[in-house]
Protein backbone atom coordinates (compact mmCIF):
# COMPACT_ATOMS: atom_id res chain seq x y z
CA UNK A 1 -116.84 -11.48 -0.80
CA UNK A 2 -114.73 -14.11 -2.87
CA UNK A 3 -113.77 -17.42 -2.54
CA UNK A 4 -110.34 -19.21 -3.17
CA UNK A 5 -109.82 -22.47 -4.30
CA UNK A 6 -106.30 -23.29 -2.62
CA UNK A 7 -105.81 -26.99 -4.08
CA UNK A 8 -102.87 -25.11 -6.30
CA UNK A 9 -102.92 -25.52 -10.12
CA UNK A 10 -103.86 -28.57 -12.12
CA UNK A 11 -101.85 -31.78 -11.64
CA UNK A 12 -101.11 -31.87 -15.34
CA UNK A 13 -99.36 -28.72 -15.01
CA UNK A 14 -97.01 -29.72 -12.19
CA UNK A 15 -96.31 -32.72 -13.72
CA UNK A 16 -95.55 -30.68 -16.62
CA UNK A 17 -92.95 -28.03 -14.72
CA UNK A 18 -91.32 -31.04 -13.03
CA UNK A 19 -90.73 -32.80 -16.20
CA UNK A 20 -89.46 -29.36 -17.71
CA UNK A 21 -86.94 -28.39 -14.63
CA UNK A 22 -85.45 -32.28 -14.86
CA UNK A 23 -84.63 -31.71 -18.31
CA UNK A 24 -83.36 -28.19 -17.59
CA UNK A 25 -81.36 -30.02 -14.69
CA UNK A 26 -80.07 -33.01 -17.18
CA UNK A 27 -79.45 -30.20 -19.99
CA UNK A 28 -77.12 -28.20 -17.56
CA UNK A 29 -75.37 -31.44 -16.46
CA UNK A 30 -76.02 -31.26 -13.02
CA UNK A 31 -77.16 -34.78 -12.71
CA UNK A 32 -74.57 -36.00 -15.29
CA UNK A 33 -72.69 -38.29 -12.65
CA UNK A 34 -74.55 -41.76 -11.26
CA UNK A 35 -74.53 -41.76 -7.71
CA UNK A 36 -72.98 -44.85 -6.55
CA UNK A 37 -70.46 -45.76 -3.43
CA UNK A 38 -66.93 -44.41 -4.26
CA UNK A 39 -66.30 -40.91 -5.41
CA UNK A 40 -62.90 -39.31 -6.54
CA UNK A 41 -62.22 -35.92 -7.43
CA UNK A 42 -59.19 -34.73 -10.31
CA UNK A 43 -58.28 -31.36 -10.16
CA UNK A 44 -55.50 -29.76 -12.99
CA UNK A 45 -53.59 -26.46 -11.84
CA UNK A 46 -55.84 -24.55 -13.58
CA UNK A 47 -58.40 -25.50 -11.63
CA UNK A 48 -60.79 -27.66 -13.86
CA UNK A 49 -62.34 -30.21 -11.50
CA UNK A 50 -63.29 -33.74 -12.56
CA UNK A 51 -66.06 -36.33 -10.54
CA UNK A 52 -66.24 -39.46 -10.96
CA UNK A 53 -68.33 -42.23 -8.99
CA UNK A 54 -68.60 -46.04 -9.30
CA UNK A 55 -68.98 -49.11 -7.13
CA UNK A 56 -65.10 -49.59 -7.42
CA UNK A 57 -62.77 -46.67 -6.07
CA UNK A 58 -60.28 -47.85 -9.32
CA UNK A 59 -63.03 -46.98 -11.90
CA UNK A 60 -64.41 -43.41 -9.96
CA UNK A 61 -60.77 -42.86 -9.72
CA UNK A 62 -60.48 -43.13 -13.80
CA UNK A 63 -64.24 -41.93 -14.27
CA UNK A 64 -63.05 -38.56 -12.65
CA UNK A 65 -59.78 -38.49 -14.26
CA UNK A 66 -61.46 -38.94 -17.47
CA UNK A 67 -64.26 -36.09 -16.59
CA UNK A 68 -61.38 -33.84 -15.87
CA UNK A 69 -59.46 -34.60 -19.26
CA UNK A 70 -62.70 -33.56 -21.10
CA UNK A 71 -63.59 -30.50 -19.22
CA UNK A 72 -60.09 -29.36 -20.47
CA UNK A 73 -57.62 -30.24 -18.00
CA UNK A 74 -54.36 -30.89 -18.63
CA UNK A 75 -52.59 -31.97 -15.99
CA UNK A 76 -55.06 -33.55 -13.34
CA UNK A 77 -53.62 -34.64 -10.21
CA UNK A 78 -56.51 -36.95 -7.35
CA UNK A 79 -57.50 -34.14 -4.97
CA UNK A 80 -59.47 -36.53 -3.12
CA UNK A 81 -61.09 -40.26 -2.93
CA UNK A 82 -63.53 -42.05 -0.74
CA UNK A 83 -65.50 -45.13 -0.41
CA UNK A 84 -67.95 -43.61 2.21
CA UNK A 85 -71.81 -42.94 1.58
CA UNK A 86 -73.47 -39.37 1.95
CA UNK A 87 -72.68 -35.66 0.74
CA UNK A 88 -69.13 -34.94 -0.01
CA UNK A 89 -67.73 -31.41 -0.92
CA UNK A 90 -64.42 -29.96 -2.66
CA UNK A 91 -62.92 -27.33 -1.56
CA UNK A 92 -60.19 -24.64 -2.62
CA UNK A 93 -58.11 -21.79 -2.07
CA UNK A 94 -55.51 -19.93 -4.43
CA UNK A 95 -53.34 -18.11 -2.07
CA UNK A 96 -49.68 -16.68 -2.75
CA UNK A 97 -47.74 -20.10 -1.79
CA UNK A 98 -50.16 -21.70 -4.44
CA UNK A 99 -53.43 -24.10 -4.52
CA UNK A 100 -55.09 -25.38 -1.06
CA UNK A 101 -57.22 -28.21 -1.96
CA UNK A 102 -59.30 -30.06 0.65
CA UNK A 103 -62.40 -32.71 0.86
CA UNK A 104 -65.14 -33.95 3.32
CA UNK A 105 -66.80 -37.22 2.49
CA UNK A 106 -69.20 -39.50 4.22
CA UNK A 107 -71.54 -36.38 5.65
CA UNK A 108 -74.92 -36.32 6.43
CA UNK A 109 -76.12 -33.58 4.29
CA UNK A 110 -74.92 -31.44 1.62
CA UNK A 111 -74.47 -28.17 4.55
CA UNK A 112 -72.24 -30.56 6.59
CA UNK A 113 -70.20 -31.59 3.88
CA UNK A 114 -69.93 -28.32 2.42
CA UNK A 115 -69.13 -26.52 6.02
CA UNK A 116 -66.28 -29.43 6.70
CA UNK A 117 -64.95 -28.83 3.09
CA UNK A 118 -64.61 -25.27 3.65
CA UNK A 119 -62.88 -26.37 7.40
CA UNK A 120 -60.52 -28.79 6.33
CA UNK A 121 -59.08 -26.26 3.78
CA UNK A 122 -59.16 -23.31 6.04
CA UNK A 123 -57.11 -25.64 8.74
CA UNK A 124 -54.49 -26.67 5.58
CA UNK A 125 -54.16 -22.99 5.33
CA UNK A 126 -56.11 -21.79 2.76
CA UNK A 127 -57.22 -18.35 3.46
CA UNK A 128 -60.03 -17.73 0.93
CA UNK A 129 -61.30 -21.27 0.42
CA UNK A 130 -64.31 -21.66 -1.93
CA UNK A 131 -66.16 -24.60 -2.50
CA UNK A 132 -66.32 -26.28 -5.83
CA UNK A 133 -68.27 -29.28 -6.41
CA UNK A 134 -70.99 -31.15 -3.94
CA UNK A 135 -71.93 -34.80 -4.70
CA UNK A 136 -74.00 -36.97 -2.99
CA UNK A 137 -73.72 -40.94 -2.65
CA UNK A 138 -76.79 -43.18 -2.04
CA UNK A 139 -76.57 -46.26 -3.36
CA UNK A 140 -74.23 -48.28 -0.97
CA UNK A 141 -74.14 -51.84 -0.52
């Protein structure tokens, strides 16, 4: 008969794994946008997206436009903005008539933000809507 230790790996191993995972996320740029109160999305005609967050909406717009341009966008335009706290999402559909974009802001969960952006996209006439970005604002004053 054997006995098993269910206490898990040594704590040092868990800490190293968490630090490694955090470094991977940072390297991928998934945590590059600060989590602040106001959010803006820009998008160009080729589908390049820019996201910006700041304590003031004008600064969030500026950061989103800069992010869009830095990612290769050429004709970036504002497609959504909000001062609401919570999860936000951007959805887009490329249909025969052009592009449909929709946003959802101030949602209590990432799932709700994703669903609402997709629902809003379909309500605007988008047929094959896809979620492009998801973002959480948590620092609201």
